């Protein structure tokens, strides 16, 4: 199998696709499980090393995390020695604040995904939003400095992910941030596959928050196959086609937007494996989608993916400090299960609750009912 590695500013060169693969992401579980189901030897590298991640992987590595992304020294210490084994590497969140770390890894590993320079462009608000303006793609107003009248504005960490870094502009003036006008509406995303030119829509998703007073935009989960007006769906697809043509995006990517009655606004592109991948990881479909990602990274666009029911995934945050019972029997609709007897602090992720149904609203209702059921179990810990 042959792969093509490219970026907006590099030449193309062929490489050989390995059977062994490092999957590095803040939470790697859905990608690891899908990669393993596709027949690959998988080394999982993530922050949690949950039970189901370790079960799916041939080897699991727990990476240190600091605000904004992976601890670079820890990544070097734990991953670079594996380069001698000839493994490849694909990645999710955790690198956006430091594309130079991804550049370093690309010198040692065959990289499956967008090149570091592409990540750098998409996560540089000045370059990215200037590009959107030039392409005629709507986006909220952006400022690199604190606006004179800050009410109605948000501040975001450059390259941040997961929503915990987003807050009203009046409440944070740290370095490494930018400012974006708050646009009311529904938060949605488009998961898409691309070979650098052609685009295949995987699904339109509703994004949910699990707010805290100090983190009002903390990621709470997502629901697949969310019904959007046809004109909005068409416009979002056009946006990713234009961005792909400009940047040569490869593999699975996601587009985050705000949608309201009067239109849509692009918030960001995530040029890497997205958490919404898990919404389409049903049975063998996860393996097929992961293989489609690997092929598209090689410039090979796979055929249409099989349709799936709507999925809802909700992050379950611990309601209080707790110790996971050693004999805990988790329902089969729970994923990202922590180790028995492990300690989980209040408001830290405990697990993920999932549900499937014929429609997005039904799947979300079932997931929320399961959250209530899980809360009753947790209260008896």
Protein backbone atom coordinates (compact mmCIF):
# COMPACT_ATOMS: atom_id res chain seq x y z
CA UNK A 1 0.00 0.00 0.00
CA UNK A 2 1.32 3.42 -0.94
CA UNK A 3 0.68 6.74 0.79
CA UNK A 4 1.15 10.30 -0.38
CA UNK A 5 2.36 12.86 2.11
CA UNK A 6 1.69 16.49 1.26
CA UNK A 7 1.01 19.94 2.64
CA UNK A 8 0.16 23.29 1.04
CA UNK A 9 3.88 24.03 0.84
CA UNK A 10 5.55 20.65 0.29
CA UNK A 11 6.27 18.28 -2.57
CA UNK A 12 4.58 14.89 -2.75
CA UNK A 13 6.41 11.72 -1.90
CA UNK A 14 5.37 8.08 -1.67
CA UNK A 15 5.67 6.06 1.54
CA UNK A 16 4.73 2.54 2.54
CA UNK A 17 1.76 2.07 4.90
CA UNK A 18 2.67 0.03 8.02
CA UNK A 19 0.48 -2.56 9.73
CA UNK A 20 1.50 -1.14 13.13
CA UNK A 21 0.14 2.24 14.07
CA UNK A 22 0.34 4.68 16.98
CA UNK A 23 -2.97 6.41 17.63
CA UNK A 24 -2.28 9.55 19.69
CA UNK A 25 -5.15 11.70 20.97
CA UNK A 26 -6.36 13.20 24.24
CA UNK A 27 -8.97 10.43 24.22
CA UNK A 28 -7.94 7.77 21.71
CA UNK A 29 -10.47 5.04 22.55
CA UNK A 30 -12.82 5.19 19.52
CA UNK A 31 -9.95 5.43 17.05
CA UNK A 32 -7.99 2.66 18.74
CA UNK A 33 -10.96 0.32 18.76
CA UNK A 34 -11.72 1.00 15.10
CA UNK A 35 -8.07 0.67 14.05
CA UNK A 36 -7.79 -2.65 15.86
CA UNK A 37 -11.03 -3.88 14.27
CA UNK A 38 -9.53 -3.04 10.87
CA UNK A 39 -6.77 -5.58 11.54
CA UNK A 40 -3.94 -3.30 12.59
CA UNK A 41 -1.54 -3.65 15.48
CA UNK A 42 -2.34 -0.55 17.52
CA UNK A 43 -0.36 1.38 20.10
CA UNK A 44 -2.73 3.68 22.01
CA UNK A 45 -1.29 6.93 23.36
CA UNK A 46 -3.70 9.11 25.30
CA UNK A 47 -4.35 10.88 28.58
CA UNK A 48 -6.69 8.39 30.25
CA UNK A 49 -5.63 4.84 29.30
CA UNK A 50 -9.12 3.65 30.17
CA UNK A 51 -9.98 -0.03 30.40
CA UNK A 52 -11.66 -0.26 27.00
CA UNK A 53 -8.77 1.57 25.33
CA UNK A 54 -6.25 -0.86 26.78
CA UNK A 55 -8.37 -3.87 25.84
CA UNK A 56 -8.48 -2.80 22.20
CA UNK A 57 -4.79 -1.90 21.92
CA UNK A 58 -1.74 -4.12 21.66
CA UNK A 59 0.04 -1.58 23.84
CA UNK A 60 -1.21 1.47 25.75
CA UNK A 61 0.79 4.53 26.76
CA UNK A 62 -0.54 7.19 29.12
CA UNK A 63 0.63 10.65 28.08
CA UNK A 64 0.94 13.63 30.40
CA UNK A 65 -1.29 16.58 29.58
CA UNK A 66 -0.96 20.23 30.43
CA UNK A 67 -3.38 23.10 29.75
CA UNK A 68 -3.81 23.28 25.99
CA UNK A 69 -2.26 19.98 24.94
CA UNK A 70 0.19 17.15 25.49
CA UNK A 71 3.34 17.62 27.54
CA UNK A 72 5.92 17.77 24.75
CA UNK A 73 8.80 16.29 26.77
CA UNK A 74 6.66 13.34 27.83
CA UNK A 75 5.58 12.72 24.23
CA UNK A 76 9.21 12.71 23.11
CA UNK A 77 10.27 10.38 25.93
CA UNK A 78 7.50 7.83 25.37
CA UNK A 79 6.90 7.90 21.62
CA UNK A 80 10.21 8.60 19.91
CA UNK A 81 11.80 5.26 20.99
CA UNK A 82 9.00 3.52 19.05
CA UNK A 83 10.23 5.04 15.78
CA UNK A 84 12.83 2.28 15.51
CA UNK A 85 9.97 -0.23 15.23
CA UNK A 86 8.81 1.32 11.93
CA UNK A 87 5.31 2.17 13.09
CA UNK A 88 3.08 4.87 11.59
CA UNK A 89 1.24 7.57 13.52
CA UNK A 90 -2.21 9.10 13.23
CA UNK A 91 -3.58 11.67 15.64
CA UNK A 92 -6.55 13.40 17.20
CA UNK A 93 -6.68 16.35 19.59
CA UNK A 94 -3.71 17.32 21.75
CA UNK A 95 -1.30 18.82 19.20
CA UNK A 96 -3.09 21.95 17.99
CA UNK A 97 -1.35 24.35 20.37
CA UNK A 98 2.08 23.01 19.37
CA UNK A 99 2.30 22.02 15.69
CA UNK A 100 6.08 22.10 16.11
CA UNK A 101 5.75 18.92 18.22
CA UNK A 102 3.82 17.30 15.40
CA UNK A 103 6.60 18.43 13.01
CA UNK A 104 9.15 16.70 15.21
CA UNK A 105 7.13 13.47 15.23
CA UNK A 106 6.75 13.65 11.44
CA UNK A 107 10.54 13.46 11.14
CA UNK A 108 10.49 10.07 12.87
CA UNK A 109 7.15 8.51 11.95
CA UNK A 110 5.11 8.03 8.81
CA UNK A 111 2.29 10.49 9.50
CA UNK A 112 -1.29 9.68 8.50
CA UNK A 113 -3.32 12.86 8.60
CA UNK A 114 -2.82 16.50 7.77
CA UNK A 115 0.71 17.79 7.83
CA UNK A 116 1.87 20.08 10.67
CA UNK A 117 1.83 23.15 8.43
CA UNK A 118 -1.86 22.56 7.71
CA UNK A 119 -2.54 22.33 11.44
CA UNK A 120 -0.56 25.53 11.95
CA UNK A 121 -2.64 27.42 9.35
CA UNK A 122 -6.02 26.23 10.62
CA UNK A 123 -5.15 27.06 14.23
CA UNK A 124 -3.66 30.49 13.49
CA UNK A 125 -6.74 32.73 13.84
CA UNK A 126 -5.21 35.54 11.79
CA UNK A 127 -4.43 33.33 8.80
CA UNK A 128 -7.48 31.08 9.11
CA UNK A 129 -10.16 33.76 9.35
CA UNK A 130 -8.46 35.86 6.66
CA UNK A 131 -8.67 32.79 4.44
CA UNK A 132 -12.38 32.36 5.23
CA UNK A 133 -13.03 36.00 4.36
CA UNK A 134 -11.17 35.64 1.05
CA UNK A 135 -13.16 32.49 0.23
CA UNK A 136 -16.48 34.17 1.06
CA UNK A 137 -17.20 31.84 4.00
CA UNK A 138 -19.16 33.49 6.84
CA UNK A 139 -17.51 33.61 10.28
CA UNK A 140 -17.95 35.65 13.48
CA UNK A 141 -15.84 38.78 13.81
CA UNK A 142 -12.39 38.05 15.24
CA UNK A 143 -9.84 40.24 17.03
CA UNK A 144 -6.32 39.45 18.20
CA UNK A 145 -6.58 42.13 20.89
CA UNK A 146 -9.21 42.70 23.57
CA UNK A 147 -12.08 44.64 21.97
CA UNK A 148 -12.79 48.07 23.45
CA UNK A 149 -16.34 46.96 24.24
CA UNK A 150 -15.83 43.35 25.35
CA UNK A 151 -19.41 42.35 26.32
CA UNK A 152 -20.71 40.07 23.60
CA UNK A 153 -17.23 38.71 22.88
CA UNK A 154 -15.59 35.40 23.80
CA UNK A 155 -11.93 34.63 24.36
CA UNK A 156 -10.41 31.36 23.14
CA UNK A 157 -7.02 29.73 23.53
CA UNK A 158 -5.24 29.59 20.18
CA UNK A 159 -5.36 25.91 19.23
CA UNK A 160 -7.59 25.02 22.19
CA UNK A 161 -10.06 22.13 22.07
CA UNK A 162 -12.80 20.66 24.25
CA UNK A 163 -14.48 23.98 25.06
CA UNK A 164 -12.96 24.34 28.54
CA UNK A 165 -10.75 27.20 27.31
CA UNK A 166 -13.67 29.34 26.04
CA UNK A 167 -15.04 32.07 28.30
CA UNK A 168 -16.44 35.59 28.18
CA UNK A 169 -13.78 38.05 27.06
CA UNK A 170 -14.15 40.09 30.24
CA UNK A 171 -12.97 37.18 32.40
CA UNK A 172 -9.60 36.28 30.87
CA UNK A 173 -6.73 38.29 29.37
CA UNK A 174 -3.99 35.67 29.24
CA UNK A 175 -1.41 35.52 26.48
CA UNK A 176 -1.92 33.08 23.61
CA UNK A 177 -5.59 33.93 23.14
CA UNK A 178 -7.80 35.56 20.56
CA UNK A 179 -11.26 37.12 20.71
CA UNK A 180 -14.38 36.21 18.78
CA UNK A 181 -17.78 37.84 18.72
CA UNK A 182 -20.39 35.60 20.36
CA UNK A 183 -23.01 34.57 17.81
CA UNK A 184 -26.19 32.98 19.23
CA UNK A 185 -27.46 29.76 17.70
CA UNK A 186 -26.99 25.99 17.72
CA UNK A 187 -23.50 24.53 17.77
CA UNK A 188 -23.16 21.93 15.02
CA UNK A 189 -20.35 20.16 13.22
CA UNK A 190 -19.77 18.43 9.92
CA UNK A 191 -17.57 15.34 9.93
CA UNK A 192 -16.10 14.86 6.47
CA UNK A 193 -13.59 12.76 4.59
CA UNK A 194 -11.29 14.15 1.92
CA UNK A 195 -8.40 12.97 -0.23
CA UNK A 196 -7.04 16.48 -0.72
CA UNK A 197 -9.58 17.48 -3.35
CA UNK A 198 -12.83 15.48 -3.25
CA UNK A 199 -15.06 15.67 -0.16
CA UNK A 200 -17.37 12.98 1.24
CA UNK A 201 -19.82 13.98 3.99
CA UNK A 202 -19.88 11.52 6.89
CA UNK A 203 -22.53 13.32 8.94
CA UNK A 204 -23.94 16.53 10.42
CA UNK A 205 -23.85 16.56 14.22
CA UNK A 206 -25.36 18.53 17.08
CA UNK A 207 -22.71 19.63 19.59
CA UNK A 208 -23.65 19.83 23.28
CA UNK A 209 -22.12 21.61 26.25
CA UNK A 210 -21.86 20.60 29.91
CA UNK A 211 -21.43 24.07 31.42
CA UNK A 212 -19.85 25.08 34.70
CA UNK A 213 -19.71 28.68 35.98
CA UNK A 214 -15.96 28.73 35.24
CA UNK A 215 -16.27 26.75 31.97
CA UNK A 216 -19.55 27.71 30.30
CA UNK A 217 -18.64 26.00 26.99
CA UNK A 218 -17.22 22.71 28.28
CA UNK A 219 -17.80 19.90 25.79
CA UNK A 220 -20.76 17.74 26.78
CA UNK A 221 -21.23 15.37 23.86
CA UNK A 222 -22.73 15.16 20.39
CA UNK A 223 -25.53 13.61 18.37
CA UNK A 224 -25.16 12.33 14.82
CA UNK A 225 -27.45 12.80 11.82
CA UNK A 226 -28.85 15.99 13.25
CA UNK A 227 -31.60 17.37 10.97
CA UNK A 228 -30.55 20.68 9.45
CA UNK A 229 -32.25 22.68 6.70
CA UNK A 230 -31.05 21.61 3.27
CA UNK A 231 -29.69 25.07 2.46
CA UNK A 232 -27.53 25.01 5.62
CA UNK A 233 -26.25 21.51 4.85
CA UNK A 234 -25.40 22.58 1.31
CA UNK A 235 -23.62 25.74 2.50
CA UNK A 236 -21.57 23.84 5.09
CA UNK A 237 -20.52 21.32 2.46
CA UNK A 238 -19.53 24.13 0.10
CA UNK A 239 -17.44 25.64 2.91
CA UNK A 240 -15.46 22.43 3.46
CA UNK A 241 -14.98 22.01 -0.29
CA UNK A 242 -13.50 25.51 -0.53
CA UNK A 243 -11.28 25.00 2.53
CA UNK A 244 -10.12 21.62 1.26
CA UNK A 245 -9.25 23.09 -2.14
CA UNK A 246 -7.25 25.82 -0.38
CA UNK A 247 -5.39 23.65 2.15
CA UNK A 248 -5.41 20.18 0.61
CA UNK A 249 -6.96 18.62 3.71
CA UNK A 250 -6.56 14.85 4.04
CA UNK A 251 -8.41 12.11 5.90
CA UNK A 252 -11.15 12.76 8.46
CA UNK A 253 -11.68 16.38 9.52
CA UNK A 254 -14.50 18.33 11.13
CA UNK A 255 -16.00 21.76 10.64
CA UNK A 256 -17.53 23.50 13.68
CA UNK A 257 -20.28 26.06 13.07
CA UNK A 258 -23.02 28.08 14.70
CA UNK A 259 -26.37 27.75 12.95
CA UNK A 260 -29.32 30.11 13.33
CA UNK A 261 -32.43 30.95 11.30
CA UNK A 262 -30.56 33.54 9.27
CA UNK A 263 -27.61 31.35 8.33
CA UNK A 264 -24.40 29.78 9.63
CA UNK A 265 -20.96 30.93 10.79
CA UNK A 266 -17.78 28.87 10.75
CA UNK A 267 -15.97 28.71 14.09
CA UNK A 268 -13.07 26.42 13.24
CA UNK A 269 -11.79 23.43 11.30
CA UNK A 270 -10.34 20.53 13.27
CA UNK A 271 -7.75 19.07 10.86
CA UNK A 272 -7.47 15.73 12.65
CA UNK A 273 -9.50 12.81 13.95
CA UNK A 274 -12.52 14.24 15.78
CA UNK A 275 -14.43 13.06 18.85
CA UNK A 276 -17.51 12.81 16.63
CA UNK A 277 -15.86 9.80 14.96
CA UNK A 278 -17.31 7.77 17.84
CA UNK A 279 -20.84 8.63 16.65
CA UNK A 280 -20.20 6.49 13.58
CA UNK A 281 -18.29 3.67 15.27
CA UNK A 282 -21.07 1.08 15.23
CA UNK A 283 -20.10 -2.57 14.81
CA UNK A 284 -17.83 -2.91 11.77
CA UNK A 285 -18.66 0.61 10.64
CA UNK A 286 -15.92 2.04 12.86
CA UNK A 287 -13.32 -0.15 11.16
CA UNK A 288 -14.61 0.88 7.73
CA UNK A 289 -14.52 4.56 8.65
CA UNK A 290 -11.02 4.30 10.08
CA UNK A 291 -9.79 2.53 6.95
CA UNK A 292 -11.45 5.26 4.89
CA UNK A 293 -9.42 7.80 6.89
CA UNK A 294 -6.20 5.90 6.23
CA UNK A 295 -6.96 5.59 2.51
CA UNK A 296 -7.94 9.24 2.14
CA UNK A 297 -4.68 10.24 3.83
CA UNK A 298 -3.00 8.35 0.99
CA UNK A 299 -4.95 10.22 -1.66
CA UNK A 300 -7.37 7.34 -2.26
CA UNK A 301 -11.04 8.23 -1.86
CA UNK A 302 -13.03 5.17 -0.73
CA UNK A 303 -16.57 4.39 -1.83
CA UNK A 304 -19.68 5.55 0.09
CA UNK A 305 -19.87 4.40 3.69
CA UNK A 306 -22.85 2.35 4.89
CA UNK A 307 -25.68 4.32 6.56
CA UNK A 308 -25.95 4.09 10.33
CA UNK A 309 -28.63 5.01 12.90
CA UNK A 310 -28.32 8.20 14.88
CA UNK A 311 -25.97 8.03 17.86
CA UNK A 312 -25.80 10.21 20.97
CA UNK A 313 -22.72 10.36 23.19
CA UNK A 314 -22.75 12.31 26.45
CA UNK A 315 -19.67 12.89 28.60
CA UNK A 316 -20.50 11.94 32.19
CA UNK A 317 -18.60 14.18 34.59
CA UNK A 318 -18.18 12.96 38.16
CA UNK A 319 -20.75 14.75 40.38
CA UNK A 320 -18.37 14.57 43.37
CA UNK A 321 -14.97 13.14 44.33
CA UNK A 322 -15.33 9.38 44.11
CA UNK A 323 -13.50 6.08 44.16
CA UNK A 324 -14.61 3.62 41.49
CA UNK A 325 -15.81 0.40 43.18
CA UNK A 326 -13.65 -2.60 42.38
CA UNK A 327 -16.75 -4.71 41.70
CA UNK A 328 -18.57 -2.08 39.63
CA UNK A 329 -20.62 -3.61 36.80
CA UNK A 330 -20.86 -0.96 34.12
CA UNK A 331 -23.84 -0.97 31.74
CA UNK A 332 -22.96 -1.96 28.18
CA UNK A 333 -23.87 1.57 26.99
CA UNK A 334 -20.95 3.05 28.95
CA UNK A 335 -17.50 3.58 27.41
CA UNK A 336 -14.20 5.12 28.57
CA UNK A 337 -14.45 3.12 31.79
CA UNK A 338 -11.91 4.04 34.51
CA UNK A 339 -9.82 1.52 36.41
CA UNK A 340 -11.44 -0.15 39.45
CA UNK A 341 -10.53 1.63 42.69
CA UNK A 342 -9.27 4.66 40.78
CA UNK A 343 -10.00 8.12 42.16
CA UNK A 344 -11.93 10.59 40.02
CA UNK A 345 -12.24 14.19 41.13
CA UNK A 346 -15.49 16.09 40.94
CA UNK A 347 -16.24 17.49 37.45
CA UNK A 348 -13.60 15.33 35.81
CA UNK A 349 -14.73 12.93 33.04
CA UNK A 350 -15.84 9.64 34.54
CA UNK A 351 -17.11 7.87 31.42
CA UNK A 352 -19.13 8.30 28.21
CA UNK A 353 -22.80 7.36 27.88
CA UNK A 354 -24.09 6.34 24.44
CA UNK A 355 -27.44 5.60 22.85
CA UNK A 356 -28.69 4.69 19.39
CA UNK A 357 -32.07 5.34 17.77
CA UNK A 358 -33.66 5.98 14.39
CA UNK A 359 -33.49 9.76 14.84
CA UNK A 360 -31.27 12.32 16.58
CA UNK A 361 -33.92 13.49 19.05
CA UNK A 362 -34.78 9.95 20.10
CA UNK A 363 -31.10 9.04 20.54
CA UNK A 364 -30.48 12.13 22.67
CA UNK A 365 -33.55 11.44 24.84
CA UNK A 366 -32.40 7.87 25.46
CA UNK A 367 -28.86 8.99 26.29
CA UNK A 368 -30.18 11.51 28.81
CA UNK A 369 -32.35 8.85 30.43
CA UNK A 370 -29.29 6.64 30.74
CA UNK A 371 -27.36 9.50 32.35
CA UNK A 372 -30.06 9.66 35.03
CA UNK A 373 -29.79 5.89 35.52
CA UNK A 374 -26.03 6.12 35.83
CA UNK A 375 -26.35 8.96 38.34
CA UNK A 376 -28.42 6.66 40.57
CA UNK A 377 -25.67 4.03 40.36
CA UNK A 378 -22.92 6.56 41.09
CA UNK A 379 -24.79 7.92 44.11
CA UNK A 380 -24.51 4.43 45.61
CA UNK A 381 -20.73 4.24 45.19
